C-alpha atoms as a PDB file:
ATOM      1  CA  MET A   1       2.106  -3.125 -14.192  1.00  0.00           C
ATOM      2  CA  ARG A   2      -0.203  -0.663 -15.749  1.00  0.00           C
ATOM      3  CA  LEU A   3      -2.775   1.731 -14.321  1.00  0.00           C
ATOM      4  CA  VAL A   4      -5.395   3.200 -15.981  1.00  0.00           C
ATOM      5  CA  THR A   5      -8.688   5.694 -15.545  1.00  0.00           C
ATOM      6  CA  ALA A   6     -11.099   5.943 -17.822  1.00  0.00           C
ATOM      7  CA  SER A   7     -15.049   6.881 -19.058  1.00  0.00           C
ATOM      8  CA  PHE A   8     -16.997   5.449 -21.758  1.00  0.00           C
ATOM      9  CA  ARG A   9     -20.386   6.594 -22.610  1.00  0.00           C
ATOM     10  CA  THR A  10     -21.236   4.335 -25.853  1.00  0.00           C
ATOM     11  CA  HIS A  11     -18.279   2.253 -26.516  1.00  0.00           C
ATOM     12  CA  ARG A  12     -18.499  -1.433 -26.920  1.00  0.00           C
ATOM     13  CA  PHE A  13     -15.024  -3.231 -26.779  1.00  0.00           C
ATOM     14  CA  VAL A  14     -14.974  -6.301 -29.359  1.00  0.00           C
ATOM     15  CA  PRO A  15     -14.147  -9.612 -27.977  1.00  0.00           C
ATOM     16  CA  HIS A  16     -10.390  -9.202 -26.659  1.00  0.00           C
ATOM     17  CA  ALA A  17      -7.524 -10.647 -24.223  1.00  0.00           C
ATOM     18  CA  HIS A  18      -4.981  -8.799 -22.097  1.00  0.00           C
ATOM     19  CA  SER A  19      -1.593 -10.423 -21.766  1.00  0.00           C
ATOM     20  CA  GLU A  20      -2.270  -8.923 -18.121  1.00  0.00           C
ATOM     21  CA  TYR A  21      -5.067  -9.706 -15.302  1.00  0.00           C
ATOM     22  CA  ALA A  22      -7.353  -7.132 -15.111  1.00  0.00           C
ATOM     23  CA  ILE A  23      -8.447  -5.569 -11.627  1.00  0.00           C
ATOM     24  CA  ALA A  24     -11.101  -2.836 -12.043  1.00  0.00           C
ATOM     25  CA  VAL A  25     -12.924  -0.897 -10.164  1.00  0.00           C
ATOM     26  CA  ILE A  26     -16.270   0.556 -11.270  1.00  0.00           C
ATOM     27  CA  ASP A  27     -16.369   4.158 -10.024  1.00  0.00           C
ATOM     28  CA  ARG A  28     -19.983   5.236 -12.014  1.00  0.00           C
ATOM     29  CA  GLY A  29     -22.492   3.834 -14.443  1.00  0.00           C
ATOM     30  CA  VAL A  30     -22.988  -0.034 -15.316  1.00  0.00           C
ATOM     31  CA  GLU A  31     -20.611  -2.198 -17.700  1.00  0.00           C
ATOM     32  CA  ALA A  32     -21.713  -4.978 -19.072  1.00  0.00           C
ATOM     33  CA  VAL A  33     -19.238  -7.510 -19.473  1.00  0.00           C
ATOM     34  CA  ARG A  34     -19.169 -10.797 -21.810  1.00  0.00           C
ATOM     35  CA  TYR A  35     -16.652 -13.615 -19.630  1.00  0.00           C
ATOM     36  CA  ARG A  36     -16.528 -17.163 -20.031  1.00  0.00           C
ATOM     37  CA  GLY A  37     -19.439 -17.877 -21.741  1.00  0.00           C
ATOM     38  CA  ALA A  38     -21.488 -15.690 -19.472  1.00  0.00           C
ATOM     39  CA  ASP A  39     -22.901 -11.878 -18.892  1.00  0.00           C
ATOM     40  CA  GLU A  40     -22.274  -9.915 -16.462  1.00  0.00           C
ATOM     41  CA  ARG A  41     -22.937  -6.505 -15.183  1.00  0.00           C
ATOM     42  CA  ALA A  42     -20.649  -4.435 -12.737  1.00  0.00           C
ATOM     43  CA  GLY A  43     -22.289  -1.295 -11.283  1.00  0.00           C
ATOM     44  CA  ALA A  44     -20.876   1.647  -9.709  1.00  0.00           C
ATOM     45  CA  GLY A  45     -19.025   0.503  -5.918  1.00  0.00           C
ATOM     46  CA  GLY A  46     -18.258  -3.369  -7.683  1.00  0.00           C
ATOM     47  CA  LEU A  47     -15.714  -5.182  -8.962  1.00  0.00           C
ATOM     48  CA  LEU A  48     -14.041  -6.134 -12.186  1.00  0.00           C
ATOM     49  CA  LEU A  49     -11.810  -8.956 -12.072  1.00  0.00           C
ATOM     50  CA  LEU A  50     -10.493 -10.663 -15.749  1.00  0.00           C
ATOM     51  CA  ASP A  51      -7.942 -13.270 -15.956  1.00  0.00           C
ATOM     52  CA  ALA A  52      -4.845 -12.775 -18.265  1.00  0.00           C
ATOM     53  CA  GLU A  53      -5.602 -14.167 -22.102  1.00  0.00           C
ATOM     54  CA  VAL A  54      -8.780 -14.724 -21.450  1.00  0.00           C
ATOM     55  CA  ILE A  55     -11.284 -13.615 -24.039  1.00  0.00           C
ATOM     56  CA  HIS A  56     -14.122 -11.096 -23.207  1.00  0.00           C
ATOM     57  CA  ALA A  57     -16.193  -8.121 -24.592  1.00  0.00           C
ATOM     58  CA  GLY A  58     -17.563  -5.033 -22.864  1.00  0.00           C
ATOM     59  CA  ARG A  59     -20.144  -2.480 -23.584  1.00  0.00           C
ATOM     60  CA  PRO A  60     -22.252   0.232 -21.353  1.00  0.00           C
ATOM     61  CA  ALA A  61     -25.452  -1.040 -19.389  1.00  0.00           C
ATOM     62  CA  ALA A  62     -26.672   2.027 -18.525  1.00  0.00           C
ATOM     63  CA  PRO A  63     -27.259   5.493 -20.920  1.00  0.00           C
ATOM     64  CA  GLN A  64     -24.379   7.287 -18.859  1.00  0.00           C
ATOM     65  CA  GLY A  65     -22.276   4.258 -19.805  1.00  0.00           C
ATOM     66  CA  TRP A  66     -19.311   3.985 -17.248  1.00  0.00           C
ATOM     67  CA  ASP A  67     -16.070   4.787 -15.555  1.00  0.00           C
ATOM     68  CA  TYR A  68     -13.314   2.750 -14.117  1.00  0.00           C
ATOM     69  CA  ARG A  69      -9.816   2.522 -12.862  1.00  0.00           C
ATOM     70  CA  VAL A  70      -7.766  -0.246 -13.628  1.00  0.00           C
ATOM     71  CA  PHE A  71      -4.964  -2.380 -12.728  1.00  0.00           C
ATOM     72  CA  TYR A  72      -3.574  -4.219 -15.286  1.00  0.00           C
ATOM     73  CA  VAL A  73      -1.292  -6.806 -13.592  1.00  0.00           C
ATOM     74  CA  PRO A  74       1.205  -9.205 -15.039  1.00  0.00           C
ATOM     75  CA  PRO A  75       0.578 -12.715 -14.551  1.00  0.00           C
ATOM     76  CA  ASP A  76       4.842 -12.835 -12.886  1.00  0.00           C
ATOM     77  CA  LEU A  77       3.800 -10.395  -9.902  1.00  0.00           C
ATOM     78  CA  LEU A  78       0.360 -11.748  -9.246  1.00  0.00           C
ATOM     79  CA  THR A  79       1.539 -14.955  -9.037  1.00  0.00           C
ATOM     80  CA  GLU A  80       4.441 -13.862  -7.091  1.00  0.00           C
ATOM     81  CA  ILE A  81       1.642 -12.399  -4.908  1.00  0.00           C
ATOM     82  CA  ALA A  82      -0.576 -15.566  -4.399  1.00  0.00           C
ATOM     83  CA  GLY A  83       1.967 -18.086  -4.384  1.00  0.00           C
ATOM     84  CA  ARG A  84       0.575 -20.091  -7.653  1.00  0.00           C
ATOM     85  CA  ARG A  85      -0.855 -18.486 -10.705  1.00  0.00           C
ATOM     86  CA  PRO A  86      -4.580 -17.347  -9.521  1.00  0.00           C
ATOM     87  CA  THR A  87      -7.946 -17.617 -11.484  1.00  0.00           C
ATOM     88  CA  PHE A  88     -10.985 -15.356 -11.219  1.00  0.00           C
ATOM     89  CA  PRO A  89     -13.598 -17.788 -11.720  1.00  0.00           C
ATOM     90  CA  ALA A  90     -16.552 -14.842 -11.116  1.00  0.00           C
ATOM     91  CA  ALA A  91     -15.846 -11.108 -13.139  1.00  0.00           C
ATOM     92  CA  THR A  92     -18.355  -8.872 -11.458  1.00  0.00           C
ATOM     93  CA  PRO A  93     -18.317 -10.348  -7.764  1.00  0.00           C
ATOM     94  CA  TRP A  94     -20.107  -7.664  -5.402  1.00  0.00           C
ATOM     95  CA  ASP A  95     -17.440  -6.838  -2.712  1.00  0.00           C
ATOM     96  CA  PRO A  96     -17.934  -2.906  -1.842  1.00  0.00           C
ATOM     97  CA  GLU A  97     -15.054  -2.886   0.590  1.00  0.00           C
ATOM     98  CA  SER A  98     -12.261  -4.364  -1.621  1.00  0.00           C
ATOM     99  CA  ALA A  99     -13.685  -1.974  -4.095  1.00  0.00           C
ATOM    100  CA  ALA A 100     -12.917   1.180  -1.745  1.00  0.00           C
ATOM    101  CA  ARG A 101      -9.848  -0.098  -1.092  1.00  0.00           C
ATOM    102  CA  LEU A 102      -8.762  -0.515  -4.792  1.00  0.00           C
ATOM    103  CA  ALA A 103      -9.883   2.871  -5.611  1.00  0.00           C
ATOM    104  CA  ARG A 104      -7.383   4.547  -2.629  1.00  0.00           C
ATOM    105  CA  VAL A 105      -4.584   2.228  -3.771  1.00  0.00           C
ATOM    106  CA  HIS A 106      -5.276   3.483  -7.548  1.00  0.00           C
ATOM    107  CA  ARG A 107      -5.514   7.280  -6.464  1.00  0.00           C
ATOM    108  CA  MET A 108      -2.508   6.941  -4.044  1.00  0.00           C
ATOM    109  CA  LEU A 109      -0.138   5.145  -6.883  1.00  0.00           C
ATOM    110  CA  GLY A 110      -0.706   8.246  -8.346  1.00  0.00           C
ATOM    111  CA  GLU A 111      -0.097  11.210  -6.609  1.00  0.00           C
ATOM    112  CA  PRO A 112       3.369  12.889  -6.421  1.00  0.00           C
ATOM    113  CA  GLY A 113       5.202  12.135  -3.736  1.00  0.00           C
ATOM    114  CA  THR A 114       4.125   8.753  -2.824  1.00  0.00           C
ATOM    115  CA  SER A 115       6.866   6.126  -0.939  1.00  0.00           C
ATOM    116  CA  PRO A 116       7.529   3.492  -3.420  1.00  0.00           C
ATOM    117  CA  LEU A 117       7.698   1.594  -0.461  1.00  0.00           C
ATOM    118  CA  ALA A 118       4.627   2.350   0.929  1.00  0.00           C
ATOM    119  CA  ALA A 119       2.978   2.478  -2.535  1.00  0.00           C
ATOM    120  CA  CYS A 120       3.948  -1.197  -2.820  1.00  0.00           C
ATOM    121  CA  GLU A 121       2.967  -2.585   0.461  1.00  0.00           C
ATOM    122  CA  GLN A 122      -0.126  -1.173  -0.049  1.00  0.00           C
ATOM    123  CA  LEU A 123      -0.616  -2.773  -3.300  1.00  0.00           C
ATOM    124  CA  HIS A 124       0.369  -5.723  -2.252  1.00  0.00           C
ATOM    125  CA  GLN A 125      -2.501  -6.014   0.486  1.00  0.00           C
ATOM    126  CA  VAL A 126      -5.013  -4.844  -1.216  1.00  0.00           C
ATOM    127  CA  LEU A 127      -4.205  -7.442  -4.087  1.00  0.00           C
ATOM    128  CA  THR A 128      -4.058  -9.919  -0.983  1.00  0.00           C
ATOM    129  CA  LEU A 129      -7.396  -9.330  -0.078  1.00  0.00           C
ATOM    130  CA  VAL A 130      -8.938  -9.864  -3.672  1.00  0.00           C
ATOM    131  CA  LEU A 131      -7.125 -13.174  -3.783  1.00  0.00           C
ATOM    132  CA  ALA A 132      -8.234 -13.948  -1.199  1.00  0.00           C
ATOM    133  CA  ARG A 133     -11.738 -13.619  -1.277  1.00  0.00           C
ATOM    134  CA  HIS A 134     -12.194 -13.718  -4.940  1.00  0.00           C
ATOM    135  CA  ALA A 135      -9.352 -16.317  -6.431  1.00  0.00           C
ATOM    136  CA  ALA A 136      -9.545 -19.540  -6.930  1.00  0.00           C
ATOM    137  CA  CYS A 137      -6.589 -20.295  -5.228  1.00  0.00           C
ATOM    138  CA  GLY A 138      -4.750 -19.535  -1.881  1.00  0.00           C
ATOM    139  CA  PRO A 139      -1.661 -18.403  -1.343  1.00  0.00           C
ATOM    140  CA  VAL A 140       1.180 -20.880  -0.883  1.00  0.00           C
ATOM    141  CA  GLN A 141       2.994 -20.378   3.016  1.00  0.00           C
ATOM    142  CA  PRO A 142       6.632 -20.420   2.473  1.00  0.00           C
ATOM    143  CA  SER A 143       8.910 -21.917   4.872  1.00  0.00           C
ATOM    144  CA  ARG A 144      10.372 -19.367   7.704  1.00  0.00           C
ATOM    145  CA  ALA A 145      13.370 -21.220   8.554  1.00  0.00           C
ATOM    146  CA  SER A 146      15.423 -18.417   7.126  1.00  0.00           C
ATOM    147  CA  TRP A 147      12.955 -15.580   8.367  1.00  0.00           C
ATOM    148  CA  PRO A 148      14.787 -14.194  11.749  1.00  0.00           C
ATOM    149  CA  ALA A 149      18.286 -13.396   9.965  1.00  0.00           C
ATOM    150  CA  ALA A 150      17.113 -11.724   7.067  1.00  0.00           C
ATOM    151  CA  ILE A 151      13.933  -9.360   9.013  1.00  0.00           C
ATOM    152  CA  GLY A 152      17.561  -8.655  11.644  1.00  0.00           C
ATOM    153  CA  ARG A 153      19.353  -7.652   8.707  1.00  0.00           C
ATOM    154  CA  ILE A 154      16.669  -5.422   7.051  1.00  0.00           C
ATOM    155  CA  GLN A 155      15.933  -3.699  10.376  1.00  0.00           C
ATOM    156  CA  ALA A 156      19.485  -2.975  10.846  1.00  0.00           C
ATOM    157  CA  TYR A 157      19.728  -1.724   7.171  1.00  0.00           C
ATOM    158  CA  LEU A 158      16.715   0.313   7.810  1.00  0.00           C
ATOM    159  CA  ALA A 159      18.066   1.350  10.757  1.00  0.00           C
ATOM    160  CA  ALA A 160      21.504   2.853   9.504  1.00  0.00           C
ATOM    161  CA  ASP A 161      19.969   5.639   7.260  1.00  0.00           C
ATOM    162  CA  ILE A 162      16.743   6.679   8.466  1.00  0.00           C
ATOM    163  CA  GLY A 163      16.395   9.300   5.596  1.00  0.00           C
ATOM    164  CA  HIS A 164      16.741   6.732   2.675  1.00  0.00           C
ATOM    165  CA  THR A 165      13.918   5.152   1.591  1.00  0.00           C
ATOM    166  CA  PRO A 166      14.306   1.713   0.273  1.00  0.00           C
ATOM    167  CA  SER A 167      12.020   0.208  -2.553  1.00  0.00           C
ATOM    168  CA  LEU A 168      10.615  -3.380  -1.381  1.00  0.00           C
ATOM    169  CA  THR A 169      12.787  -4.789  -4.733  1.00  0.00           C
ATOM    170  CA  GLU A 170      15.919  -2.978  -2.668  1.00  0.00           C
ATOM    171  CA  LEU A 171      15.035  -4.700   0.662  1.00  0.00           C
ATOM    172  CA  ALA A 172      14.433  -8.285  -0.886  1.00  0.00           C
ATOM    173  CA  GLU A 173      17.589  -7.784  -2.664  1.00  0.00           C
ATOM    174  CA  LEU A 174      19.666  -7.091  -0.048  1.00  0.00           C
ATOM    175  CA  VAL A 175      18.672 -10.888   1.870  1.00  0.00           C
ATOM    176  CA  GLY A 176      17.921 -13.274  -1.150  1.00  0.00           C
ATOM    177  CA  MET A 177      13.931 -13.556  -0.735  1.00  0.00           C
ATOM    178  CA  PRO A 178      11.218 -12.664  -2.851  1.00  0.00           C
ATOM    179  CA  ARG A 179       9.631  -9.345  -2.569  1.00  0.00           C
ATOM    180  CA  PHE A 180       6.541 -10.536  -1.392  1.00  0.00           C
ATOM    181  CA  VAL A 181       7.430 -12.894   0.567  1.00  0.00           C
ATOM    182  CA  LEU A 182       9.828 -10.670   2.868  1.00  0.00           C
ATOM    183  CA  LEU A 183       6.949  -8.708   3.332  1.00  0.00           C
ATOM    184  CA  ARG A 184       4.491 -10.992   4.511  1.00  0.00           C
ATOM    185  CA  ALA A 185       7.676 -12.328   6.776  1.00  0.00           C
ATOM    186  CA  PHE A 186       8.676  -9.014   7.993  1.00  0.00           C
ATOM    187  CA  ARG A 187       4.881  -8.309   9.243  1.00  0.00           C
ATOM    188  CA  ALA A 188       4.855 -11.405  10.902  1.00  0.00           C
ATOM    189  CA  ALA A 189       7.852 -10.894  12.934  1.00  0.00           C
ATOM    190  CA  THR A 190       7.486  -7.526  13.708  1.00  0.00           C
ATOM    191  CA  GLY A 191       3.881  -6.771  13.349  1.00  0.00           C
ATOM    192  CA  VAL A 192       4.670  -3.855  10.935  1.00  0.00           C
ATOM    193  CA  THR A 193       5.724  -3.448   7.260  1.00  0.00           C
ATOM    194  CA  PRO A 194       9.144  -2.257   6.228  1.00  0.00           C
ATOM    195  CA  HIS A 195       7.390   1.591   5.510  1.00  0.00           C
ATOM    196  CA  GLY A 196       5.835   1.128   9.150  1.00  0.00           C
ATOM    197  CA  TYR A 197       9.120   0.039  11.089  1.00  0.00           C
ATOM    198  CA  LEU A 198      11.253   3.003   9.310  1.00  0.00           C
ATOM    199  CA  LEU A 199       8.011   5.636  10.091  1.00  0.00           C
ATOM    200  CA  ALA A 200       8.865   4.519  13.927  1.00  0.00           C
ATOM    201  CA  LEU A 201      12.424   4.807  13.707  1.00  0.00           C
ATOM    202  CA  ARG A 202      11.802   8.537  11.948  1.00  0.00           C
ATOM    203  CA  LEU A 203       9.415   9.129  14.174  1.00  0.00           C
ATOM    204  CA  ARG A 204      11.768   8.207  17.267  1.00  0.00           C
ATOM    205  CA  HIS A 205      14.580  10.114  16.308  1.00  0.00           C
ATOM    206  CA  ALA A 206      12.552  12.915  15.628  1.00  0.00           C
ATOM    207  CA  GLN A 207      11.330  12.802  19.481  1.00  0.00           C
ATOM    208  CA  GLN A 208      14.923  12.590  20.687  1.00  0.00           C
ATOM    209  CA  LEU A 209      15.378  15.727  18.713  1.00  0.00           C
ATOM    210  CA  LEU A 210      12.601  18.041  19.988  1.00  0.00           C
ATOM    211  CA  THR A 211      13.737  16.600  23.325  1.00  0.00           C
ATOM    212  CA  ALA A 212      17.442  18.150  23.276  1.00  0.00           C
ATOM    213  CA  GLY A 213      15.886  21.179  22.037  1.00  0.00           C
ATOM    214  CA  HIS A 214      15.699  21.358  18.483  1.00  0.00           C
ATOM    215  CA  SER A 215      12.994  23.203  16.045  1.00  0.00           C
ATOM    216  CA  VAL A 216      10.494  21.217  14.505  1.00  0.00           C
ATOM    217  CA  ALA A 217      12.118  21.992  11.377  1.00  0.00           C
ATOM    218  CA  ARG A 218      15.141  20.630  12.409  1.00  0.00           C
ATOM    219  CA  ALA A 219      13.640  17.472  13.543  1.00  0.00           C
ATOM    220  CA  ALA A 220      11.375  16.752  10.378  1.00  0.00           C
ATOM    221  CA  THR A 221      14.535  16.993   8.151  1.00  0.00           C
ATOM    222  CA  ASP A 222      16.777  15.033   9.979  1.00  0.00           C
ATOM    223  CA  SER A 223      14.646  12.753  10.812  1.00  0.00           C
ATOM    224  CA  GLY A 224      13.434  11.811   7.271  1.00  0.00           C
ATOM    225  CA  PHE A 225      10.448  13.693   6.463  1.00  0.00           C
ATOM    226  CA  TYR A 226       9.402  15.396   3.364  1.00  0.00           C
ATOM    227  CA  ASP A 227       8.766  18.652   5.311  1.00  0.00           C
ATOM    228  CA  GLN A 228       6.872  19.916   8.978  1.00  0.00           C
ATOM    229  CA  SER A 229       3.469  18.869   7.969  1.00  0.00           C
ATOM    230  CA  HIS A 230       4.303  15.279   6.872  1.00  0.00           C
ATOM    231  CA  LEU A 231       5.791  15.460  10.243  1.00  0.00           C
ATOM    232  CA  HIS A 232       3.069  16.597  11.928  1.00  0.00           C
ATOM    233  CA  ARG A 233       0.962  14.377  10.178  1.00  0.00           C
ATOM    234  CA  HIS A 234       2.241  11.382  11.206  1.00  0.00           C
ATOM    235  CA  PHE A 235       3.336  12.324  14.791  1.00  0.00           C
ATOM    236  CA  ARG A 236      -0.151  13.555  15.945  1.00  0.00           C
ATOM    237  CA  ARG A 237      -1.748   9.991  14.530  1.00  0.00           C
ATOM    238  CA  THR A 238       1.247   8.427  16.492  1.00  0.00           C
ATOM    239  CA  PHE A 239       1.634   9.989  19.810  1.00  0.00           C
ATOM    240  CA  ALA A 240      -1.658  12.198  20.077  1.00  0.00           C
ATOM    241  CA  ALA A 241      -0.039  15.418  19.995  1.00  0.00           C
ATOM    242  CA  THR A 242       1.666  18.088  17.840  1.00  0.00           C
ATOM    243  CA  PRO A 243       5.555  18.528  17.204  1.00  0.00           C
ATOM    244  CA  GLY A 244       5.344  21.553  18.613  1.00  0.00           C
ATOM    245  CA  ARG A 245       3.023  20.466  21.407  1.00  0.00           C
ATOM    246  CA  PHE A 246       5.601  18.064  22.553  1.00  0.00           C
ATOM    247  CA  ALA A 247       8.203  20.141  22.264  1.00  0.00           C
ATOM    248  CA  ARG A 248       6.846  22.726  24.588  1.00  0.00           C
ATOM    249  CA  ALA A 249       5.940  19.806  27.107  1.00  0.00           C
ATOM    250  CA  GLY A 250       9.499  18.684  27.271  1.00  0.00           C
ATOM    251  CA  ARG A 251      11.134  22.561  27.905  1.00  0.00           C
ATOM    252  CA  VAL A 252       8.263  22.782  30.525  1.00  0.00           C
ATOM    253  CA  ARG A 253       9.583  19.562  32.425  1.00  0.00           C
ATOM    254  CA  ASP A 254      13.010  20.231  32.091  1.00  0.00           C
ATOM    255  CA  ASP A 255      12.542  23.980  33.703  1.00  0.00           C
ATOM    256  CA  VAL A 256      10.609  22.332  36.478  1.00  0.00           C
ATOM    257  CA  GLN A 257      13.138  19.636  37.371  1.00  0.00           C
ATOM    258  CA  GLY A 258      15.769  22.401  37.176  1.00  0.00           C
ATOM    259  CA  ARG A 259      13.901  24.881  39.352  1.00  0.00           C
ATOM    260  CA  SER A 260      13.369  21.814  41.886  1.00  0.00           C
ATOM    261  CA  ALA A 261      17.042  20.707  41.781  1.00  0.00           C
ATOM    262  CA  ALA A 262      18.309  24.551  42.610  1.00  0.00           C
ATOM    263  CA  ALA A 263      15.617  25.011  45.825  1.00  0.00           C
ATOM    264  CA  PRO A 264      16.861  24.063  49.125  1.00  0.00           C
END
């Protein structure tokens, strides 16, 4: 998949086609698009959804031109997510919620240090949303007969080495399932994604280390977090307390219990 961020002021695209689907968010301005014999416009906060191999043309529809963020998605990848090859009947549906989520994921995928597993999961979520709302076909539900054993193997694999962050492809190859079938199956069985499950394992381990009296830095390192700030952010969001406060509360509790046990 290719990610493109571009800004145009006066450029006019001649009729052309891409081998990939183009899924874009307009950040600024307005683009006019000729698609399937109709003229459409996509303004700031709007979507641009173009099928692979379909001829189209674009031009500025406002004096300031337009800026956009584009996901160029190979047909095989979008077919894997949808369950069958989808098509977008309308090029410029107005859906600010999906547009905002696409923009966030586009930015996240370009950030250094982003977990490949988390990135793949976020990409799946936002493309599934766009497909459900705007594609001409819905996803095909896979057979669930083999799900429980596969999910159990993934859970054991993640628990065996919480410091390792696998890719979704790695997990799918482990159990012989398509990547996004696995993602849907895991969420259906556990209520969280594989990345969310791994994060829960890491937070539980960090709690155990802090309770045992280890430093926050040690808890972060040994639990698979990048650094203390990474642990701090997820710990506070999950437990409504910082790692330091959690550790201090544990020391106070142990001290009170120790004095009580020693009292006559």
